[in-house]
């Protein structure tokens, strides 16, 4: 306000019926959006970009009648030279032994090499950035709601393989099934003879193979084993994946070299 040589006025203490200009404008915008939604006939949008475009259009129509006054104000205003305010709040978070961090009631997984480290968290309005030693480790959408979580099995699989006994009651166990095929494989592995830690370890070894090779190749191997009703084991999956990923040497026919061709070239040259 000092930059524009303006002195704001505040409302009186205890006079809740008095609205400031910003508060009054906020209420007017809410009413305008409500009316526009009623005219639109639906509150469903294809995505965040569609909703933002809708809000911008409502604001554009509302500000159209004030364009003359805005032009006058802009002509009288001086160029703003102050530094821009940051768009995020910076926090700190310690990575747990299960390779996760907690940020504003949200749970995020990070690479296991960061276990025990302290990360710098940049909390934006709609996304979250996690930094360590000057490098960005994670950039994702900010979680909302009651105790949301974003768990990538590739981050936590290393801890789970070392401690398979805790997988049965693992709080993020459902996130350890990337696709329906992996869930079917889990059910197939846990036959009566493989119940308990033995079956958990077998599945975790398969999940580890997906994290270290290609998830699509492991899923294809699982689908083949399930379709042929074969026993699903980590060794069987690895054998199928290695067979498919093994580069094949092309068969080449050894050419026959005829040096007489060069003699003909010399005769033509002569």
C-alpha atoms as a PDB file:
ATOM      1  CA  UNK A   1       0.000   0.000   0.000  1.00  0.00           C
ATOM      2  CA  UNK A   2       2.898   2.379   0.729  1.00  0.00           C
ATOM      3  CA  UNK A   3       4.264   1.824  -2.770  1.00  0.00           C
ATOM      4  CA  UNK A   4       1.020   3.179  -4.268  1.00  0.00           C
ATOM      5  CA  UNK A   5       0.854   5.949  -1.622  1.00  0.00           C
ATOM      6  CA  UNK A   6      -2.457   4.596  -0.335  1.00  0.00           C
ATOM      7  CA  UNK A   7      -3.715   4.393   3.246  1.00  0.00           C
ATOM      8  CA  UNK A   8      -6.159   1.560   3.914  1.00  0.00           C
ATOM      9  CA  UNK A   9      -9.084   1.994   6.288  1.00  0.00           C
ATOM     10  CA  UNK A  10     -10.072  -0.780   8.653  1.00  0.00           C
ATOM     11  CA  UNK A  11     -13.497  -1.718   9.944  1.00  0.00           C
ATOM     12  CA  UNK A  12     -14.457  -0.792  13.475  1.00  0.00           C
ATOM     13  CA  UNK A  13     -13.915  -3.254  16.296  1.00  0.00           C
ATOM     14  CA  UNK A  14     -17.028  -5.328  16.909  1.00  0.00           C
ATOM     15  CA  UNK A  15     -18.785  -4.042  13.780  1.00  0.00           C
ATOM     16  CA  UNK A  16     -19.070  -7.311  11.930  1.00  0.00           C
ATOM     17  CA  UNK A  17     -21.688  -5.861   9.571  1.00  0.00           C
ATOM     18  CA  UNK A  18     -19.019  -3.641   7.997  1.00  0.00           C
ATOM     19  CA  UNK A  19     -17.352  -5.202   4.998  1.00  0.00           C
ATOM     20  CA  UNK A  20     -14.087  -4.112   3.514  1.00  0.00           C
ATOM     21  CA  UNK A  21     -13.651  -3.691  -0.234  1.00  0.00           C
ATOM     22  CA  UNK A  22     -11.800  -7.003  -0.610  1.00  0.00           C
ATOM     23  CA  UNK A  23     -14.352  -8.926   1.426  1.00  0.00           C
ATOM     24  CA  UNK A  24     -17.267  -7.347  -0.447  1.00  0.00           C
ATOM     25  CA  UNK A  25     -15.660  -8.186  -3.809  1.00  0.00           C
ATOM     26  CA  UNK A  26     -15.151 -11.765  -2.679  1.00  0.00           C
ATOM     27  CA  UNK A  27     -18.855 -12.114  -1.895  1.00  0.00           C
ATOM     28  CA  UNK A  28     -19.825 -10.532  -5.209  1.00  0.00           C
ATOM     29  CA  UNK A  29     -17.614 -13.007  -7.095  1.00  0.00           C
ATOM     30  CA  UNK A  30     -19.190 -15.953  -5.266  1.00  0.00           C
ATOM     31  CA  UNK A  31     -22.668 -14.756  -6.172  1.00  0.00           C
ATOM     32  CA  UNK A  32     -21.648 -14.220  -9.811  1.00  0.00           C
ATOM     33  CA  UNK A  33     -20.202 -17.736 -10.013  1.00  0.00           C
ATOM     34  CA  UNK A  34     -23.326 -19.214  -8.448  1.00  0.00           C
ATOM     35  CA  UNK A  35     -25.558 -17.472 -10.995  1.00  0.00           C
ATOM     36  CA  UNK A  36     -23.324 -18.550 -13.880  1.00  0.00           C
ATOM     37  CA  UNK A  37     -23.439 -22.164 -12.678  1.00  0.00           C
ATOM     38  CA  UNK A  38     -27.233 -22.044 -12.484  1.00  0.00           C
ATOM     39  CA  UNK A  39     -27.416 -20.724 -16.049  1.00  0.00           C
ATOM     40  CA  UNK A  40     -24.930 -23.388 -17.163  1.00  0.00           C
ATOM     41  CA  UNK A  41     -27.151 -26.076 -15.687  1.00  0.00           C
ATOM     42  CA  UNK A  42     -24.318 -28.273 -14.441  1.00  0.00           C
ATOM     43  CA  UNK A  43     -21.479 -28.144 -11.934  1.00  0.00           C
ATOM     44  CA  UNK A  44     -19.460 -30.881 -13.627  1.00  0.00           C
ATOM     45  CA  UNK A  45     -16.227 -29.933 -15.404  1.00  0.00           C
ATOM     46  CA  UNK A  46     -13.811 -32.015 -17.457  1.00  0.00           C
ATOM     47  CA  UNK A  47     -10.886 -30.921 -15.283  1.00  0.00           C
ATOM     48  CA  UNK A  48      -9.205 -28.123 -13.367  1.00  0.00           C
ATOM     49  CA  UNK A  49      -8.328 -26.255 -16.570  1.00  0.00           C
ATOM     50  CA  UNK A  50     -11.993 -26.226 -17.660  1.00  0.00           C
ATOM     51  CA  UNK A  51     -13.074 -24.876 -14.258  1.00  0.00           C
ATOM     52  CA  UNK A  52     -10.364 -22.178 -14.330  1.00  0.00           C
ATOM     53  CA  UNK A  53     -11.456 -21.138 -17.823  1.00  0.00           C
ATOM     54  CA  UNK A  54     -15.052 -20.851 -16.564  1.00  0.00           C
ATOM     55  CA  UNK A  55     -14.001 -18.647 -13.614  1.00  0.00           C
ATOM     56  CA  UNK A  56     -11.840 -16.452 -15.871  1.00  0.00           C
ATOM     57  CA  UNK A  57     -14.769 -15.972 -18.241  1.00  0.00           C
ATOM     58  CA  UNK A  58     -17.055 -14.886 -15.371  1.00  0.00           C
ATOM     59  CA  UNK A  59     -14.422 -12.420 -14.142  1.00  0.00           C
ATOM     60  CA  UNK A  60     -13.878 -11.099 -17.649  1.00  0.00           C
ATOM     61  CA  UNK A  61     -17.577 -10.360 -18.079  1.00  0.00           C
ATOM     62  CA  UNK A  62     -17.798  -8.754 -14.633  1.00  0.00           C
ATOM     63  CA  UNK A  63     -14.799  -6.490 -15.248  1.00  0.00           C
ATOM     64  CA  UNK A  64     -15.880  -5.462 -18.741  1.00  0.00           C
ATOM     65  CA  UNK A  65     -18.084  -2.638 -17.437  1.00  0.00           C
ATOM     66  CA  UNK A  66     -15.161  -1.271 -15.380  1.00  0.00           C
ATOM     67  CA  UNK A  67     -12.635  -1.167 -18.210  1.00  0.00           C
ATOM     68  CA  UNK A  68     -12.715   2.637 -18.491  1.00  0.00           C
ATOM     69  CA  UNK A  69     -11.995   3.173 -14.788  1.00  0.00           C
ATOM     70  CA  UNK A  70      -9.302   0.495 -14.817  1.00  0.00           C
ATOM     71  CA  UNK A  71      -7.577   2.246 -17.718  1.00  0.00           C
ATOM     72  CA  UNK A  72      -7.602   5.521 -15.789  1.00  0.00           C
ATOM     73  CA  UNK A  73      -6.171   3.827 -12.709  1.00  0.00           C
ATOM     74  CA  UNK A  74      -3.411   2.119 -14.693  1.00  0.00           C
ATOM     75  CA  UNK A  75      -2.394   5.419 -16.258  1.00  0.00           C
ATOM     76  CA  UNK A  76      -1.965   6.979 -12.803  1.00  0.00           C
ATOM     77  CA  UNK A  77      -0.165   4.013 -11.205  1.00  0.00           C
ATOM     78  CA  UNK A  78       3.602   3.769 -10.959  1.00  0.00           C
ATOM     79  CA  UNK A  79       5.507   0.686 -12.025  1.00  0.00           C
ATOM     80  CA  UNK A  80       5.701  -1.912  -9.287  1.00  0.00           C
ATOM     81  CA  UNK A  81       9.332  -2.481  -8.332  1.00  0.00           C
ATOM     82  CA  UNK A  82       8.969  -4.575  -5.167  1.00  0.00           C
ATOM     83  CA  UNK A  83      10.013  -8.216  -5.204  1.00  0.00           C
ATOM     84  CA  UNK A  84       7.383 -10.818  -5.942  1.00  0.00           C
ATOM     85  CA  UNK A  85       6.017 -12.771  -3.009  1.00  0.00           C
ATOM     86  CA  UNK A  86       6.748 -16.531  -3.028  1.00  0.00           C
ATOM     87  CA  UNK A  87       3.946 -18.753  -4.286  1.00  0.00           C
ATOM     88  CA  UNK A  88       4.659 -21.469  -1.768  1.00  0.00           C
ATOM     89  CA  UNK A  89       5.198 -22.143   1.910  1.00  0.00           C
ATOM     90  CA  UNK A  90       8.462 -23.882   2.764  1.00  0.00           C
ATOM     91  CA  UNK A  91       8.448 -26.645   5.367  1.00  0.00           C
ATOM     92  CA  UNK A  92      10.718 -29.492   6.457  1.00  0.00           C
ATOM     93  CA  UNK A  93       9.915 -33.186   6.592  1.00  0.00           C
ATOM     94  CA  UNK A  94      11.956 -36.187   7.760  1.00  0.00           C
ATOM     95  CA  UNK A  95      11.780 -39.390   5.696  1.00  0.00           C
ATOM     96  CA  UNK A  96      10.668 -42.335   7.830  1.00  0.00           C
ATOM     97  CA  UNK A  97      12.155 -45.827   7.811  1.00  0.00           C
ATOM     98  CA  UNK A  98       9.329 -46.838   5.441  1.00  0.00           C
ATOM     99  CA  UNK A  99      10.430 -44.194   2.912  1.00  0.00           C
ATOM    100  CA  UNK A 100       7.469 -41.836   3.422  1.00  0.00           C
ATOM    101  CA  UNK A 101       6.990 -38.222   4.554  1.00  0.00           C
ATOM    102  CA  UNK A 102       3.979 -36.474   6.060  1.00  0.00           C
ATOM    103  CA  UNK A 103       3.064 -33.026   4.748  1.00  0.00           C
ATOM    104  CA  UNK A 104      -0.087 -31.244   6.018  1.00  0.00           C
ATOM    105  CA  UNK A 105      -1.976 -34.469   6.819  1.00  0.00           C
ATOM    106  CA  UNK A 106      -0.940 -35.944   3.445  1.00  0.00           C
ATOM    107  CA  UNK A 107       1.409 -38.930   3.063  1.00  0.00           C
ATOM    108  CA  UNK A 108       3.889 -39.114   0.178  1.00  0.00           C
ATOM    109  CA  UNK A 109       6.451 -41.785  -0.688  1.00  0.00           C
ATOM    110  CA  UNK A 110       9.984 -40.887  -1.786  1.00  0.00           C
ATOM    111  CA  UNK A 111      12.982 -42.925  -3.016  1.00  0.00           C
ATOM    112  CA  UNK A 112      14.345 -45.265  -0.332  1.00  0.00           C
ATOM    113  CA  UNK A 113      17.836 -43.733  -0.533  1.00  0.00           C
ATOM    114  CA  UNK A 114      16.396 -40.697   1.306  1.00  0.00           C
ATOM    115  CA  UNK A 115      15.413 -42.663   4.445  1.00  0.00           C
ATOM    116  CA  UNK A 116      16.412 -40.676   7.530  1.00  0.00           C
ATOM    117  CA  UNK A 117      17.106 -37.481   5.563  1.00  0.00           C
ATOM    118  CA  UNK A 118      15.405 -34.115   6.077  1.00  0.00           C
ATOM    119  CA  UNK A 119      13.697 -32.759   2.950  1.00  0.00           C
ATOM    120  CA  UNK A 120      12.694 -29.203   2.099  1.00  0.00           C
ATOM    121  CA  UNK A 121       9.021 -29.075   1.182  1.00  0.00           C
ATOM    122  CA  UNK A 122       7.589 -26.385  -1.080  1.00  0.00           C
ATOM    123  CA  UNK A 123       3.851 -26.395  -0.535  1.00  0.00           C
ATOM    124  CA  UNK A 124       2.032 -24.652  -3.393  1.00  0.00           C
ATOM    125  CA  UNK A 125      -1.712 -24.130  -3.669  1.00  0.00           C
ATOM    126  CA  UNK A 126      -2.217 -27.137  -5.934  1.00  0.00           C
ATOM    127  CA  UNK A 127       1.073 -29.065  -5.924  1.00  0.00           C
ATOM    128  CA  UNK A 128       3.974 -30.163  -3.719  1.00  0.00           C
ATOM    129  CA  UNK A 129       7.705 -30.189  -4.386  1.00  0.00           C
ATOM    130  CA  UNK A 130      10.200 -32.164  -2.283  1.00  0.00           C
ATOM    131  CA  UNK A 131      13.865 -31.078  -2.439  1.00  0.00           C
ATOM    132  CA  UNK A 132      17.069 -32.583  -1.094  1.00  0.00           C
ATOM    133  CA  UNK A 133      20.625 -31.249  -1.530  1.00  0.00           C
ATOM    134  CA  UNK A 134      19.437 -28.795  -4.175  1.00  0.00           C
ATOM    135  CA  UNK A 135      17.750 -31.458  -6.333  1.00  0.00           C
ATOM    136  CA  UNK A 136      14.019 -31.902  -6.788  1.00  0.00           C
ATOM    137  CA  UNK A 137      13.013 -35.387  -5.641  1.00  0.00           C
ATOM    138  CA  UNK A 138       9.255 -35.227  -6.165  1.00  0.00           C
ATOM    139  CA  UNK A 139       6.816 -32.903  -7.937  1.00  0.00           C
ATOM    140  CA  UNK A 140       3.184 -33.963  -7.702  1.00  0.00           C
ATOM    141  CA  UNK A 141      -0.350 -32.750  -7.131  1.00  0.00           C
ATOM    142  CA  UNK A 142      -1.103 -31.623  -3.591  1.00  0.00           C
ATOM    143  CA  UNK A 143      -3.253 -34.112  -1.719  1.00  0.00           C
ATOM    144  CA  UNK A 144      -6.583 -33.004  -0.256  1.00  0.00           C
ATOM    145  CA  UNK A 145      -9.150 -34.514   2.080  1.00  0.00           C
ATOM    146  CA  UNK A 146      -8.903 -36.617   5.220  1.00  0.00           C
ATOM    147  CA  UNK A 147      -5.533 -38.390   5.511  1.00  0.00           C
ATOM    148  CA  UNK A 148      -4.864 -38.759   1.753  1.00  0.00           C
ATOM    149  CA  UNK A 149      -1.821 -40.638   0.482  1.00  0.00           C
ATOM    150  CA  UNK A 150       0.277 -40.976  -2.646  1.00  0.00           C
ATOM    151  CA  UNK A 151       2.406 -44.119  -2.452  1.00  0.00           C
ATOM    152  CA  UNK A 152       4.615 -45.430  -5.259  1.00  0.00           C
ATOM    153  CA  UNK A 153       5.561 -49.084  -4.751  1.00  0.00           C
ATOM    154  CA  UNK A 154       8.921 -48.403  -6.417  1.00  0.00           C
ATOM    155  CA  UNK A 155       9.868 -46.225  -3.448  1.00  0.00           C
ATOM    156  CA  UNK A 156       8.918 -48.570  -0.600  1.00  0.00           C
ATOM    157  CA  UNK A 157       9.556 -52.024  -2.081  1.00  0.00           C
ATOM    158  CA  UNK A 158      13.159 -52.060  -0.822  1.00  0.00           C
ATOM    159  CA  UNK A 159      12.055 -51.775   2.815  1.00  0.00           C
ATOM    160  CA  UNK A 160       9.288 -54.337   2.349  1.00  0.00           C
ATOM    161  CA  UNK A 161      11.607 -56.957   0.847  1.00  0.00           C
ATOM    162  CA  UNK A 162      13.882 -56.643   3.885  1.00  0.00           C
ATOM    163  CA  UNK A 163      10.923 -56.948   6.284  1.00  0.00           C
ATOM    164  CA  UNK A 164       8.343 -59.218   4.581  1.00  0.00           C
ATOM    165  CA  UNK A 165       6.758 -60.171   7.900  1.00  0.00           C
ATOM    166  CA  UNK A 166       5.078 -56.777   8.183  1.00  0.00           C
ATOM    167  CA  UNK A 167       3.435 -56.853   4.756  1.00  0.00           C
ATOM    168  CA  UNK A 168       0.290 -58.636   5.953  1.00  0.00           C
ATOM    169  CA  UNK A 169      -0.703 -55.669   8.146  1.00  0.00           C
ATOM    170  CA  UNK A 170       1.034 -52.983   6.068  1.00  0.00           C
ATOM    171  CA  UNK A 171      -1.088 -49.830   6.156  1.00  0.00           C
ATOM    172  CA  UNK A 172      -0.367 -49.103   2.458  1.00  0.00           C
ATOM    173  CA  UNK A 173      -0.783 -52.678   1.238  1.00  0.00           C
ATOM    174  CA  UNK A 174      -3.489 -51.819  -1.315  1.00  0.00           C
ATOM    175  CA  UNK A 175      -1.058 -49.433  -3.042  1.00  0.00           C
ATOM    176  CA  UNK A 176       1.237 -52.416  -3.621  1.00  0.00           C
ATOM    177  CA  UNK A 177      -1.038 -53.753  -6.372  1.00  0.00           C
ATOM    178  CA  UNK A 178      -0.263 -51.580  -9.443  1.00  0.00           C
ATOM    179  CA  UNK A 179      -2.872 -53.333 -11.615  1.00  0.00           C
ATOM    180  CA  UNK A 180      -5.596 -55.967 -11.332  1.00  0.00           C
ATOM    181  CA  UNK A 181      -3.168 -58.568 -12.699  1.00  0.00           C
ATOM    182  CA  UNK A 182      -0.870 -58.117  -9.703  1.00  0.00           C
ATOM    183  CA  UNK A 183      -3.836 -58.516  -7.369  1.00  0.00           C
ATOM    184  CA  UNK A 184      -4.844 -61.761  -9.128  1.00  0.00           C
ATOM    185  CA  UNK A 185      -1.253 -62.970  -8.813  1.00  0.00           C
ATOM    186  CA  UNK A 186      -1.348 -62.235  -5.075  1.00  0.00           C
ATOM    187  CA  UNK A 187      -4.510 -64.318  -4.705  1.00  0.00           C
ATOM    188  CA  UNK A 188      -2.987 -67.157  -6.745  1.00  0.00           C
ATOM    189  CA  UNK A 189       0.222 -67.158  -4.715  1.00  0.00           C
ATOM    190  CA  UNK A 190      -1.623 -67.383  -1.409  1.00  0.00           C
ATOM    191  CA  UNK A 191      -2.745 -70.956  -1.860  1.00  0.00           C
ATOM    192  CA  UNK A 192      -2.962 -73.020   1.351  1.00  0.00           C
ATOM    193  CA  UNK A 193       0.675 -74.089   1.094  1.00  0.00           C
ATOM    194  CA  UNK A 194       1.953 -70.538   0.636  1.00  0.00           C
ATOM    195  CA  UNK A 195      -0.052 -68.617   3.203  1.00  0.00           C
ATOM    196  CA  UNK A 196       1.725 -66.272   5.574  1.00  0.00           C
ATOM    197  CA  UNK A 197       5.200 -64.786   5.265  1.00  0.00           C
ATOM    198  CA  UNK A 198       6.285 -67.296   2.601  1.00  0.00           C
ATOM    199  CA  UNK A 199       3.587 -66.109   0.185  1.00  0.00           C
ATOM    200  CA  UNK A 200       4.203 -62.452   1.090  1.00  0.00           C
ATOM    201  CA  UNK A 201       7.899 -62.773   0.289  1.00  0.00           C
ATOM    202  CA  UNK A 202       7.130 -64.483  -3.038  1.00  0.00           C
ATOM    203  CA  UNK A 203       4.856 -61.617  -4.086  1.00  0.00           C
ATOM    204  CA  UNK A 204       7.284 -58.950  -2.872  1.00  0.00           C
ATOM    205  CA  UNK A 205      10.021 -60.514  -4.986  1.00  0.00           C
ATOM    206  CA  UNK A 206       7.723 -60.210  -8.019  1.00  0.00           C
ATOM    207  CA  UNK A 207       6.985 -56.587  -7.145  1.00  0.00           C
ATOM    208  CA  UNK A 208      10.706 -55.969  -6.751  1.00  0.00           C
ATOM    209  CA  UNK A 209      11.254 -57.350 -10.263  1.00  0.00           C
ATOM    210  CA  UNK A 210       8.624 -54.911 -11.584  1.00  0.00           C
ATOM    211  CA  UNK A 211      10.405 -52.009  -9.869  1.00  0.00           C
ATOM    212  CA  UNK A 212      13.859 -52.936 -11.173  1.00  0.00           C
ATOM    213  CA  UNK A 213      12.950 -53.982 -14.729  1.00  0.00           C
ATOM    214  CA  UNK A 214       9.712 -53.056 -16.528  1.00  0.00           C
ATOM    215  CA  UNK A 215       6.294 -53.273 -14.914  1.00  0.00           C
ATOM    216  CA  UNK A 216       4.612 -54.025 -18.250  1.00  0.00           C
ATOM    217  CA  UNK A 217       6.899 -57.022 -18.877  1.00  0.00           C
ATOM    218  CA  UNK A 218       6.294 -58.433 -15.394  1.00  0.00           C
ATOM    219  CA  UNK A 219       2.550 -57.956 -15.812  1.00  0.00           C
ATOM    220  CA  UNK A 220       2.656 -59.778 -19.156  1.00  0.00           C
ATOM    221  CA  UNK A 221       4.528 -62.672 -17.529  1.00  0.00           C
ATOM    222  CA  UNK A 222       1.969 -62.854 -14.715  1.00  0.00           C
ATOM    223  CA  UNK A 223      -0.902 -62.840 -17.207  1.00  0.00           C
ATOM    224  CA  UNK A 224       0.681 -65.749 -19.101  1.00  0.00           C
ATOM    225  CA  UNK A 225       1.197 -67.787 -15.930  1.00  0.00           C
ATOM    226  CA  UNK A 226      -2.363 -67.142 -14.747  1.00  0.00           C
ATOM    227  CA  UNK A 227      -3.850 -67.923 -18.177  1.00  0.00           C
ATOM    228  CA  UNK A 228      -1.972 -71.219 -18.418  1.00  0.00           C
ATOM    229  CA  UNK A 229      -2.822 -71.997 -14.760  1.00  0.00           C
ATOM    230  CA  UNK A 230       0.825 -72.450 -13.878  1.00  0.00           C
ATOM    231  CA  UNK A 231       2.291 -71.874 -10.430  1.00  0.00           C
ATOM    232  CA  UNK A 232       3.047 -68.175  -9.948  1.00  0.00           C
ATOM    233  CA  UNK A 233       6.522 -67.717  -8.508  1.00  0.00           C
ATOM    234  CA  UNK A 234       9.127 -64.985  -8.677  1.00  0.00           C
ATOM    235  CA  UNK A 235      11.572 -67.306 -10.442  1.00  0.00           C
ATOM    236  CA  UNK A 236       9.003 -68.184 -13.121  1.00  0.00           C
ATOM    237  CA  UNK A 237       8.253 -64.493 -13.715  1.00  0.00           C
ATOM    238  CA  UNK A 238      11.937 -63.590 -13.920  1.00  0.00           C
ATOM    239  CA  UNK A 239      12.596 -66.408 -16.396  1.00  0.00           C
ATOM    240  CA  UNK A 240       9.836 -65.178 -18.712  1.00  0.00           C
ATOM    241  CA  UNK A 241      10.953 -61.551 -18.434  1.00  0.00           C
ATOM    242  CA  UNK A 242      14.609 -62.357 -19.077  1.00  0.00           C
ATOM    243  CA  UNK A 243      13.653 -64.496 -22.067  1.00  0.00           C
ATOM    244  CA  UNK A 244      11.717 -61.606 -23.590  1.00  0.00           C
ATOM    245  CA  UNK A 245      14.300 -58.944 -22.755  1.00  0.00           C
ATOM    246  CA  UNK A 246      17.254 -61.051 -23.915  1.00  0.00           C
ATOM    247  CA  UNK A 247      18.560 -59.477 -27.146  1.00  0.00           C
ATOM    248  CA  UNK A 248      18.519 -61.840 -30.098  1.00  0.00           C
ATOM    249  CA  UNK A 249      21.551 -62.005 -32.348  1.00  0.00           C
ATOM    250  CA  UNK A 250      20.443 -61.763 -35.983  1.00  0.00           C
ATOM    251  CA  UNK A 251      21.521 -64.620 -38.237  1.00  0.00           C
ATOM    252  CA  UNK A 252      23.808 -63.390 -41.001  1.00  0.00           C
ATOM    253  CA  UNK A 253      24.925 -65.174 -44.178  1.00  0.00           C
ATOM    254  CA  UNK A 254      28.650 -65.034 -44.733  1.00  0.00           C
ATOM    255  CA  UNK A 255      29.247 -63.232 -48.016  1.00  0.00           C
ATOM    256  CA  UNK A 256      31.484 -64.759 -50.680  1.00  0.00           C
ATOM    257  CA  UNK A 257      34.203 -62.380 -51.827  1.00  0.00           C
ATOM    258  CA  UNK A 258      35.182 -62.557 -55.517  1.00  0.00           C
ATOM    259  CA  UNK A 259      38.405 -60.644 -56.155  1.00  0.00           C
ATOM    260  CA  UNK A 260      37.962 -60.931 -59.924  1.00  0.00           C
ATOM    261  CA  UNK A 261      35.550 -58.013 -59.722  1.00  0.00           C
ATOM    262  CA  UNK A 262      38.464 -55.727 -58.836  1.00  0.00           C
ATOM    263  CA  UNK A 263      40.461 -57.017 -61.834  1.00  0.00           C
ATOM    264  CA  UNK A 264      37.585 -56.001 -64.124  1.00  0.00           C
ATOM    265  CA  UNK A 265      37.542 -52.533 -62.589  1.00  0.00           C
ATOM    266  CA  UNK A 266      41.273 -52.127 -63.305  1.00  0.00           C
ATOM    267  CA  UNK A 267      40.793 -53.247 -66.927  1.00  0.00           C
ATOM    268  CA  UNK A 268      38.011 -50.683 -67.412  1.00  0.00           C
ATOM    269  CA  UNK A 269      40.185 -47.948 -65.867  1.00  0.00           C
ATOM    270  CA  UNK A 270      43.115 -48.868 -68.152  1.00  0.00           C
END
